[in-house]
N, C-alpha and C. Protein backbone atom coordinates (compact mmCIF):
# COMPACT_ATOMS: atom_id res chain seq x y z
N MET A 1 110.88 100.50 109.85
CA MET A 1 109.57 100.16 108.99
C MET A 1 109.85 101.34 108.06
N PRO A 2 109.53 101.62 106.76
CA PRO A 2 109.79 102.29 106.11
C PRO A 2 109.20 104.08 106.10
N SER A 3 109.82 104.78 105.38
CA SER A 3 109.94 106.29 105.99
C SER A 3 108.60 106.90 105.54
N ASN A 4 107.65 106.26 105.12
CA ASN A 4 106.05 106.12 104.42
C ASN A 4 105.17 106.03 106.20
N GLY A 5 105.69 105.09 107.09
CA GLY A 5 104.93 104.92 108.09
C GLY A 5 104.10 103.29 108.03
N HIS A 6 104.36 102.84 107.03
CA HIS A 6 103.75 101.68 106.40
C HIS A 6 104.73 100.78 106.98
N ARG A 7 104.00 99.37 106.98
CA ARG A 7 104.74 98.55 107.57
C ARG A 7 104.33 96.98 107.20
N HIS A 8 104.25 95.75 106.88
CA HIS A 8 103.97 95.18 106.24
C HIS A 8 103.33 94.08 107.18
N LEU A 9 101.96 94.07 107.22
CA LEU A 9 101.28 93.34 108.32
C LEU A 9 101.34 91.44 108.59
N GLY A 10 102.31 90.89 107.16
CA GLY A 10 102.16 89.49 107.05
C GLY A 10 101.17 89.09 106.17
N TYR A 11 100.49 89.76 105.90
CA TYR A 11 99.16 88.91 104.64
C TYR A 11 99.61 88.84 103.30
N GLY A 12 99.61 88.08 102.99
CA GLY A 12 100.42 87.82 101.84
C GLY A 12 102.06 88.31 102.02
N GLU A 13 102.41 87.64 100.31
CA GLU A 13 103.46 87.60 100.04
C GLU A 13 104.21 88.52 99.67
N ILE A 14 105.52 88.69 99.76
CA ILE A 14 106.23 89.80 99.03
C ILE A 14 106.70 89.48 97.78
N SER A 15 106.57 90.39 96.90
CA SER A 15 106.73 89.47 95.53
C SER A 15 108.28 90.43 95.44
N LEU A 16 108.95 89.82 94.43
CA LEU A 16 109.94 90.77 93.95
C LEU A 16 110.53 90.37 92.05
N GLY A 17 110.85 91.75 91.11
CA GLY A 17 110.37 91.10 90.12
C GLY A 17 111.74 92.36 89.47
N ASP A 18 112.29 92.26 88.49
CA ASP A 18 112.92 93.28 87.54
C ASP A 18 112.20 94.13 86.76
N TYR A 19 112.65 95.71 86.67
CA TYR A 19 111.63 95.99 85.83
C TYR A 19 112.68 96.10 84.50
N GLY A 20 111.74 96.19 83.60
CA GLY A 20 112.48 96.12 81.96
C GLY A 20 111.66 97.10 81.37
N PRO A 21 111.95 97.94 80.25
CA PRO A 21 111.32 98.84 79.10
C PRO A 21 109.95 98.51 79.01
N ASP A 22 109.14 99.60 78.94
CA ASP A 22 107.74 98.95 78.67
C ASP A 22 107.26 97.90 79.24
N TYR A 23 107.57 97.16 80.85
CA TYR A 23 107.20 96.29 81.34
C TYR A 23 107.40 95.04 80.97
N GLN A 24 108.47 94.68 80.13
CA GLN A 24 108.90 93.35 79.24
C GLN A 24 109.27 92.21 80.88
N PRO A 25 108.78 91.32 80.35
CA PRO A 25 108.94 90.43 81.55
C PRO A 25 111.16 90.09 81.35
N GLN A 26 111.52 90.23 82.74
CA GLN A 26 112.97 90.12 82.68
C GLN A 26 113.64 88.93 82.87
N GLY A 27 112.78 88.26 83.55
CA GLY A 27 112.93 86.51 84.17
C GLY A 27 113.38 86.83 85.65
N ILE A 28 114.33 85.70 85.98
CA ILE A 28 114.63 85.52 87.45
C ILE A 28 116.38 86.64 87.28
N THR A 29 116.95 87.74 87.38
CA THR A 29 117.56 88.38 87.19
C THR A 29 119.02 87.80 88.19
N LYS A 30 119.91 87.84 87.59
CA LYS A 30 121.47 88.16 89.13
C LYS A 30 120.92 88.89 89.97
N ARG A 31 120.63 90.37 89.73
CA ARG A 31 120.20 91.07 90.64
C ARG A 31 118.88 90.73 92.12
N MET A 32 118.28 90.18 91.10
CA MET A 32 116.69 90.01 92.15
C MET A 32 117.34 88.56 92.74
N VAL A 33 118.20 88.10 92.46
CA VAL A 33 118.83 87.01 93.22
C VAL A 33 119.80 87.25 94.33
N GLN A 34 120.42 88.21 94.38
CA GLN A 34 121.12 88.73 95.46
C GLN A 34 120.08 89.80 96.61
N ILE A 35 119.45 90.23 95.56
CA ILE A 35 118.50 91.02 96.98
C ILE A 35 117.62 90.45 97.40
N ALA A 36 116.72 89.08 96.63
CA ALA A 36 116.02 88.25 97.81
C ALA A 36 117.04 87.47 98.59
N GLY A 37 118.32 87.78 98.33
CA GLY A 37 119.41 86.54 99.54
C GLY A 37 119.21 87.16 100.60
N ASP A 38 119.82 88.87 100.08
CA ASP A 38 119.64 89.90 101.32
C ASP A 38 118.54 89.89 102.14
N TRP A 39 117.17 89.71 101.76
CA TRP A 39 115.65 89.66 102.49
C TRP A 39 116.03 88.35 103.26
N GLU A 40 116.16 87.20 102.56
CA GLU A 40 115.94 86.12 102.97
C GLU A 40 116.74 85.91 104.14
N ARG A 41 118.14 86.24 104.49
CA ARG A 41 118.98 86.41 105.59
C ARG A 41 118.38 87.03 106.97
N ALA A 42 117.84 88.21 106.46
CA ALA A 42 117.07 89.09 107.06
C ALA A 42 116.06 88.15 107.67
N GLY A 43 115.71 86.87 106.95
CA GLY A 43 114.14 86.22 107.59
C GLY A 43 113.18 86.40 106.79
N ILE A 44 113.23 87.03 106.03
CA ILE A 44 111.99 87.59 104.97
C ILE A 44 112.13 86.94 103.82
N THR A 45 110.98 86.46 103.90
CA THR A 45 110.55 85.18 102.54
C THR A 45 110.13 85.92 101.45
N ILE A 46 110.83 85.89 100.09
CA ILE A 46 110.50 86.63 99.19
C ILE A 46 110.36 85.72 97.94
N GLU A 47 109.12 85.82 97.18
CA GLU A 47 108.95 85.25 95.70
C GLU A 47 109.27 86.36 94.69
N MET A 48 109.99 85.52 93.42
CA MET A 48 111.09 86.40 93.19
C MET A 48 109.62 85.63 91.84
N ALA A 49 109.68 86.87 91.21
CA ALA A 49 108.63 86.82 89.88
C ALA A 49 109.36 86.85 88.53
N THR A 50 108.76 86.54 87.43
CA THR A 50 109.55 87.07 85.75
C THR A 50 109.25 87.80 85.27
N ASP A 51 107.80 88.41 85.46
CA ASP A 51 106.84 89.19 85.32
C ASP A 51 106.04 90.22 85.74
N LEU A 52 107.29 91.39 86.59
CA LEU A 52 107.03 92.39 87.67
C LEU A 52 105.54 92.81 86.89
N LEU A 53 105.36 93.15 85.74
CA LEU A 53 103.58 94.00 85.56
C LEU A 53 102.64 92.72 85.99
N LEU A 54 102.74 91.89 85.57
CA LEU A 54 101.82 90.67 85.92
C LEU A 54 101.58 90.41 88.11
N VAL A 55 102.75 90.69 88.33
CA VAL A 55 102.69 90.75 89.80
C VAL A 55 101.89 92.05 90.34
N ARG A 56 102.30 93.23 89.21
CA ARG A 56 101.75 94.31 89.97
C ARG A 56 99.54 94.51 89.38
N TRP A 57 99.34 93.73 88.41
CA TRP A 57 98.26 93.78 87.96
C TRP A 57 97.69 92.52 88.96
N ARG A 58 98.07 91.55 89.06
CA ARG A 58 97.64 90.78 90.36
C ARG A 58 97.35 91.02 91.83
N LYS A 59 98.56 92.12 91.98
CA LYS A 59 98.28 92.84 93.71
C LYS A 59 96.87 94.37 93.24
N LEU A 60 96.77 94.14 92.35
CA LEU A 60 95.34 95.42 92.05
C LEU A 60 94.25 94.28 92.40
N VAL A 61 94.08 92.98 91.91
CA VAL A 61 93.09 92.41 91.97
C VAL A 61 92.80 92.63 93.51
N TRP A 62 93.42 92.57 94.48
CA TRP A 62 92.82 92.70 96.03
C TRP A 62 92.90 94.38 96.28
N ASN A 63 93.88 94.56 96.12
CA ASN A 63 93.93 95.85 96.43
C ASN A 63 92.48 96.83 95.77
N ILE A 64 92.13 97.23 94.73
CA ILE A 64 91.15 97.48 94.05
C ILE A 64 89.82 97.79 95.21
N PRO A 65 89.22 96.54 95.30
CA PRO A 65 88.09 96.39 95.77
C PRO A 65 88.59 96.52 97.46
N PHE A 66 89.55 95.81 97.92
CA PHE A 66 89.44 96.00 99.71
C PHE A 66 90.23 97.76 99.85
N ASN A 67 90.75 97.79 99.35
CA ASN A 67 91.69 99.40 100.03
C ASN A 67 90.34 100.26 99.42
N GLY A 68 89.97 100.86 98.51
CA GLY A 68 88.76 101.14 98.10
C GLY A 68 87.94 101.11 98.73
N LEU A 69 86.69 100.10 99.10
CA LEU A 69 85.28 100.25 99.58
C LEU A 69 86.33 99.98 101.35
N SER A 70 87.26 99.48 101.87
CA SER A 70 87.49 100.12 103.40
C SER A 70 87.30 101.47 103.65
N VAL A 71 87.73 102.10 102.77
CA VAL A 71 87.60 103.78 103.37
C VAL A 71 86.18 103.96 102.81
N VAL A 72 85.75 103.71 101.51
CA VAL A 72 83.92 104.48 101.38
C VAL A 72 83.07 103.30 102.27
N LEU A 73 83.42 102.27 102.71
CA LEU A 73 82.53 102.23 103.74
C LEU A 73 83.04 101.98 105.33
N ASP A 74 84.20 102.86 105.59
CA ASP A 74 84.47 102.61 106.59
C ASP A 74 84.24 101.10 107.13
N ALA A 75 84.82 100.50 106.87
CA ALA A 75 84.79 98.76 106.98
C ALA A 75 86.27 98.13 106.98
N ARG A 76 86.10 97.16 107.93
CA ARG A 76 87.38 96.33 107.96
C ARG A 76 87.59 94.83 106.83
N THR A 77 88.62 94.22 106.47
CA THR A 77 88.32 92.95 105.97
C THR A 77 87.39 92.00 106.15
N ASP A 78 87.05 91.91 107.73
CA ASP A 78 86.02 90.66 107.89
C ASP A 78 85.20 91.10 107.77
N GLU A 79 84.53 92.64 107.95
CA GLU A 79 83.45 93.03 107.98
C GLU A 79 82.76 92.79 106.81
N MET A 80 83.65 93.40 105.92
CA MET A 80 83.12 93.17 104.43
C MET A 80 83.10 91.88 103.74
N MET A 81 83.59 90.97 104.45
CA MET A 81 83.88 89.72 104.02
C MET A 81 82.32 88.61 104.46
N ALA A 82 81.68 89.69 105.45
CA ALA A 82 80.26 89.38 106.18
C ALA A 82 79.68 89.54 106.13
N SER A 83 79.26 90.50 104.86
CA SER A 83 77.76 91.54 104.22
C SER A 83 77.68 90.28 102.78
N LEU A 84 77.43 89.33 102.88
CA LEU A 84 77.06 89.01 101.22
C LEU A 84 77.09 90.05 99.92
N GLU A 85 76.07 91.39 100.06
CA GLU A 85 76.49 92.12 99.65
C GLU A 85 77.57 92.67 99.10
N ILE A 86 78.55 92.63 99.91
CA ILE A 86 79.68 93.41 100.12
C ILE A 86 80.39 92.22 99.40
N ARG A 87 80.23 91.21 99.93
CA ARG A 87 81.42 90.14 99.58
C ARG A 87 80.76 90.25 97.59
N ASN A 88 79.79 89.79 97.21
CA ASN A 88 79.35 90.13 95.79
C ASN A 88 79.95 91.07 95.13
N LEU A 89 80.18 92.57 95.69
CA LEU A 89 80.60 93.30 95.04
C LEU A 89 82.22 93.64 94.85
N VAL A 90 82.90 92.77 95.58
CA VAL A 90 84.14 92.83 96.48
C VAL A 90 84.47 91.73 94.44
N GLU A 91 83.74 90.56 94.64
CA GLU A 91 84.23 89.68 93.59
C GLU A 91 83.66 90.58 92.50
N GLN A 92 82.62 91.11 92.27
CA GLN A 92 82.58 91.87 90.88
C GLN A 92 83.85 93.07 90.54
N LEU A 93 84.58 93.87 91.60
CA LEU A 93 85.55 94.46 91.18
C LEU A 93 86.71 93.70 90.67
N MET A 94 86.77 92.80 91.38
CA MET A 94 87.76 91.60 91.13
C MET A 94 87.76 91.35 89.94
N ARG A 95 86.74 90.81 89.23
CA ARG A 95 86.46 90.59 88.28
C ARG A 95 86.66 91.46 86.87
N GLU A 96 86.42 93.13 87.19
CA GLU A 96 86.97 93.75 85.99
C GLU A 96 88.45 94.05 86.08
N VAL A 97 88.98 94.11 87.03
CA VAL A 97 90.33 94.40 87.56
C VAL A 97 90.74 92.69 86.16
N VAL A 98 91.06 91.87 86.46
CA VAL A 98 90.83 90.30 85.94
C VAL A 98 90.88 90.83 84.37
N ALA A 99 89.60 91.48 84.03
CA ALA A 99 89.32 91.70 82.46
C ALA A 99 89.75 92.17 82.12
N GLY A 100 90.63 93.70 82.76
CA GLY A 100 90.88 94.47 82.37
C GLY A 100 92.79 94.80 82.09
N ALA A 101 93.72 93.64 83.16
CA ALA A 101 94.25 93.30 82.93
C ALA A 101 95.27 93.07 81.60
N GLU A 102 96.48 94.03 82.27
CA GLU A 102 97.88 93.64 80.60
C GLU A 102 98.21 92.44 80.41
N ARG A 103 97.55 91.42 81.45
CA ARG A 103 98.08 89.99 81.56
C ARG A 103 97.40 89.53 82.05
N TYR A 104 97.60 88.37 81.32
CA TYR A 104 96.42 87.01 81.60
C TYR A 104 96.52 86.71 83.29
N ILE A 105 95.48 87.02 83.84
CA ILE A 105 94.90 86.50 85.42
C ILE A 105 93.90 85.14 85.21
N PRO A 106 94.10 84.14 86.00
CA PRO A 106 93.09 83.01 85.32
C PRO A 106 91.87 83.54 86.31
N ASN A 107 90.82 83.42 86.35
CA ASN A 107 89.40 83.32 87.18
C ASN A 107 89.73 82.75 88.61
N SER A 108 90.37 81.54 88.43
CA SER A 108 90.72 81.03 89.81
C SER A 108 91.49 81.79 90.92
N PHE A 109 91.89 83.35 90.47
CA PHE A 109 92.50 83.84 91.36
C PHE A 109 92.20 84.43 92.32
N ILE A 110 91.21 84.92 91.61
CA ILE A 110 89.71 85.44 92.48
C ILE A 110 89.49 85.24 93.49
N ASP A 111 89.13 83.53 93.34
CA ASP A 111 88.51 82.44 93.94
C ASP A 111 89.33 82.09 95.10
N LYS A 112 91.53 82.46 94.85
CA LYS A 112 92.25 82.17 95.77
C LYS A 112 92.44 83.36 96.93
N MET A 113 91.79 85.02 96.12
CA MET A 113 92.26 85.92 97.36
C MET A 113 90.71 85.77 98.23
N LEU A 114 89.61 85.75 97.92
CA LEU A 114 89.06 85.81 98.49
C LEU A 114 88.73 84.69 99.84
N TYR A 115 89.38 83.46 99.23
CA TYR A 115 89.58 82.50 100.25
C TYR A 115 90.74 82.75 101.24
N HIS A 116 91.66 83.79 101.39
CA HIS A 116 92.78 84.07 101.95
C HIS A 116 92.56 85.31 102.85
N THR A 117 91.80 86.16 102.21
CA THR A 117 91.27 86.91 103.46
C THR A 117 90.34 86.85 103.94
N GLU A 118 89.22 85.61 103.76
CA GLU A 118 88.66 84.66 104.64
C GLU A 118 89.36 84.42 105.97
N LYS A 119 90.33 83.87 105.50
CA LYS A 119 91.86 82.94 106.79
C LYS A 119 92.01 84.71 107.44
N ILE A 120 92.53 85.40 107.03
CA ILE A 120 93.02 87.02 107.64
C ILE A 120 92.54 87.48 108.64
N ASN A 121 93.32 87.78 109.79
CA ASN A 121 93.08 87.85 111.22
C ASN A 121 92.31 89.69 110.41
N PRO A 122 91.32 90.11 111.22
CA PRO A 122 90.25 91.11 111.00
C PRO A 122 91.13 92.52 110.94
N TYR A 123 91.16 93.09 109.99
CA TYR A 123 92.21 94.25 109.86
C TYR A 123 92.20 95.49 109.06
N ASN A 124 92.86 96.51 109.17
CA ASN A 124 92.18 98.01 108.10
C ASN A 124 93.02 97.88 107.46
N THR A 125 92.94 97.96 105.79
CA THR A 125 93.79 98.45 104.84
C THR A 125 94.98 99.21 104.56
N SER A 126 95.66 99.24 103.99
CA SER A 126 96.23 100.46 104.19
C SER A 126 96.50 101.98 103.76
N MET A 127 95.17 101.86 102.60
CA MET A 127 94.52 102.74 102.09
C MET A 127 93.16 103.31 103.61
N LYS A 128 92.59 102.77 103.97
CA LYS A 128 92.09 102.70 105.43
C LYS A 128 92.31 103.47 106.15
N LEU A 129 93.85 102.98 107.17
CA LEU A 129 95.01 103.81 107.57
C LEU A 129 95.19 104.98 107.90
N ASP A 130 95.48 105.02 106.22
CA ASP A 130 96.11 106.33 105.61
C ASP A 130 95.17 107.66 105.47
N TYR A 131 93.65 107.03 105.33
CA TYR A 131 92.01 108.27 105.59
C TYR A 131 91.95 108.68 107.15
N ASP A 132 92.65 107.65 107.55
CA ASP A 132 91.77 107.83 109.44
C ASP A 132 92.98 108.86 109.61
N ARG A 133 94.30 108.71 109.61
CA ARG A 133 95.35 109.24 110.31
C ARG A 133 95.34 110.73 109.10
N GLY A 134 94.65 110.78 107.90
CA GLY A 134 94.36 111.83 107.12
C GLY A 134 96.42 111.98 106.51
N LYS A 135 96.47 111.32 105.88
CA LYS A 135 97.40 111.22 104.95
C LYS A 135 96.66 111.43 103.01
N PRO A 136 97.30 111.26 102.51
CA PRO A 136 96.83 111.35 101.42
C PRO A 136 96.85 110.24 100.76
N LEU A 137 95.56 109.44 99.78
CA LEU A 137 95.24 108.15 99.76
C LEU A 137 96.15 108.02 98.46
N GLU A 138 96.54 107.19 98.36
CA GLU A 138 97.07 106.59 97.07
C GLU A 138 96.23 106.01 95.58
N VAL A 139 95.37 107.41 95.56
CA VAL A 139 94.34 106.99 94.25
C VAL A 139 94.72 107.14 93.18
N GLU A 140 95.25 107.62 92.66
CA GLU A 140 95.61 107.49 91.43
C GLU A 140 97.01 106.46 91.09
N ALA A 141 97.69 105.98 92.18
CA ALA A 141 98.72 104.86 91.72
C ALA A 141 97.58 103.29 91.44
N ILE A 142 96.88 103.39 93.02
CA ILE A 142 95.94 102.04 92.67
C ILE A 142 94.52 102.23 91.80
N PHE A 143 93.89 102.84 91.51
CA PHE A 143 93.31 103.10 91.04
C PHE A 143 92.97 104.61 89.45
N GLY A 144 93.62 105.03 89.34
CA GLY A 144 93.32 106.00 88.33
C GLY A 144 94.67 105.73 87.19
N ASN A 145 95.45 105.45 87.53
CA ASN A 145 96.38 104.68 86.76
C ASN A 145 96.52 103.59 85.94
N PRO A 146 95.84 102.32 86.76
CA PRO A 146 95.43 101.15 86.26
C PRO A 146 93.76 101.10 85.55
N LEU A 147 92.90 102.37 86.11
CA LEU A 147 91.77 102.65 85.20
C LEU A 147 91.94 103.06 83.72
N ARG A 148 93.35 103.98 83.64
CA ARG A 148 93.04 104.76 82.26
C ARG A 148 93.84 103.73 81.11
N ALA A 149 94.45 102.94 82.00
CA ALA A 149 95.34 102.03 80.88
C ALA A 149 94.30 100.96 80.89
N ALA A 150 93.57 100.20 81.65
CA ALA A 150 92.76 99.08 81.08
C ALA A 150 91.88 100.07 80.17
N THR A 151 90.89 101.03 80.58
CA THR A 151 89.88 101.90 79.43
C THR A 151 90.52 101.38 78.03
N SER A 152 91.78 102.54 78.17
CA SER A 152 92.43 102.68 77.03
C SER A 152 92.28 101.55 75.99
N ALA A 153 92.42 100.36 76.63
CA ALA A 153 93.02 99.18 76.18
C ALA A 153 91.76 98.79 75.50
N GLY A 154 90.48 99.30 75.90
CA GLY A 154 88.96 98.52 75.69
C GLY A 154 88.45 98.04 77.08
N ALA A 155 88.66 97.89 78.03
CA ALA A 155 88.12 97.27 78.86
C ALA A 155 86.99 98.26 79.60
N ASP A 156 86.13 97.56 80.35
CA ASP A 156 85.27 98.05 81.08
C ASP A 156 84.99 98.24 82.04
N TRP A 157 85.51 99.08 82.69
CA TRP A 157 85.73 99.55 84.72
C TRP A 157 84.39 100.32 85.15
N PRO A 158 83.39 99.77 85.25
CA PRO A 158 82.35 100.92 85.74
C PRO A 158 81.75 100.77 87.23
N ARG A 159 82.53 99.62 87.92
CA ARG A 159 82.55 99.82 89.30
C ARG A 159 83.65 100.42 90.02
N ILE A 160 84.32 100.22 89.19
CA ILE A 160 86.21 100.75 89.25
C ILE A 160 85.95 102.46 89.51
N ALA A 161 85.41 102.90 88.58
CA ALA A 161 85.66 103.64 87.99
C ALA A 161 84.68 104.68 88.99
N MET A 162 83.65 104.11 88.99
CA MET A 162 82.50 105.35 90.31
C MET A 162 83.33 104.57 92.22
N LEU A 163 83.90 103.69 92.42
CA LEU A 163 85.09 104.00 93.57
C LEU A 163 86.25 104.49 93.11
N TYR A 164 86.41 104.84 92.25
CA TYR A 164 87.10 105.79 92.16
C TYR A 164 86.99 107.66 92.14
N GLN A 165 85.81 107.40 91.64
CA GLN A 165 85.49 109.24 91.44
C GLN A 165 85.37 109.09 93.31
N GLN A 166 85.29 108.34 93.91
CA GLN A 166 84.79 108.48 95.52
C GLN A 166 85.11 108.75 96.05
N LEU A 167 86.59 108.02 95.95
CA LEU A 167 88.31 108.06 96.40
C LEU A 167 88.58 109.39 96.45
N GLN A 168 88.13 109.74 95.05
CA GLN A 168 88.76 111.02 95.31
C GLN A 168 88.31 112.17 95.86
N PHE A 169 86.65 112.20 95.95
CA PHE A 169 86.35 113.13 96.48
C PHE A 169 86.52 113.04 97.84
N LEU A 170 86.30 111.68 98.76
CA LEU A 170 86.68 111.48 99.63
C LEU A 170 88.48 111.68 100.10
N ASN A 171 88.73 111.68 99.53
CA ASN A 171 90.77 112.46 99.70
C ASN A 171 90.67 114.01 99.52
N ALA A 172 89.40 114.59 99.02
CA ALA A 172 90.10 115.82 98.34
C ALA A 172 89.20 116.90 100.13
N LYS A 173 88.34 115.98 100.17
CA LYS A 173 87.90 116.49 101.46
C LYS A 173 88.39 116.07 102.59
N LYS A 174 88.90 115.17 102.68
CA LYS A 174 89.56 115.25 104.10
C LYS A 174 91.03 116.19 103.85
N MET A 175 91.48 116.37 102.62
CA MET A 175 93.13 116.54 102.92
C MET A 175 92.12 118.59 102.78
N ALA A 176 90.97 118.80 102.35
CA ALA A 176 91.16 120.37 102.52
C ALA A 176 90.61 120.70 104.08
N GLU A 177 89.55 119.31 104.53
CA GLU A 177 89.25 120.03 106.41
C GLU A 177 90.94 119.87 106.93
N ILE A 178 91.85 119.15 106.69
CA ILE A 178 93.00 119.14 107.48
C ILE A 178 93.88 120.12 106.78
N ALA A 179 93.79 120.79 105.38
CA ALA A 179 94.02 122.62 105.62
C ALA A 179 93.52 123.27 106.25
N LYS A 180 92.32 123.04 106.73
CA LYS A 180 91.84 123.95 107.47
C LYS A 180 92.87 124.56 109.58
N PHE A 181 93.56 123.16 109.41
CA PHE A 181 93.48 123.10 110.60
C PHE A 181 95.12 123.28 110.76
N THR A 182 95.95 123.41 109.15
CA THR A 182 96.95 123.59 109.70
C THR A 182 97.61 125.30 109.37
């Protein structure tokens, strides 16, 4: 288990990409092949990605709606998918991410994410687990940094901006409560 207490739950693939200056695509590098080989010998399937930034934006298509809403709504993935109103909100948030991504993501990717989410076992997201355990949330990494990048490029992310503000509030409130008892 990683030192941060997280473990991969098996919901989705693990992608490996090589970082280049300004996130320029690096293709499949020799280093990636070696690392992927080590992981695969350990029984873990790795998808090698030619464009690390694209992989990160694709991950945000799922992480922004489900991680954020799971905390704000105190809900598991299956509960969110079972509500027509929340499922619609999830899709709207996904569309904002796709519209603001720094790399092209086809709209069909949203359908794929929704389909896979319907098929997975009910679970709490990593952000919800962190919140419930009183750990700081990755608000800047998952929301703040992408929001600033997208809006500086001219994208309009009103729903994501609101979710970001709510998570900042909840995170600060939770951290203040914990600080009282330590």
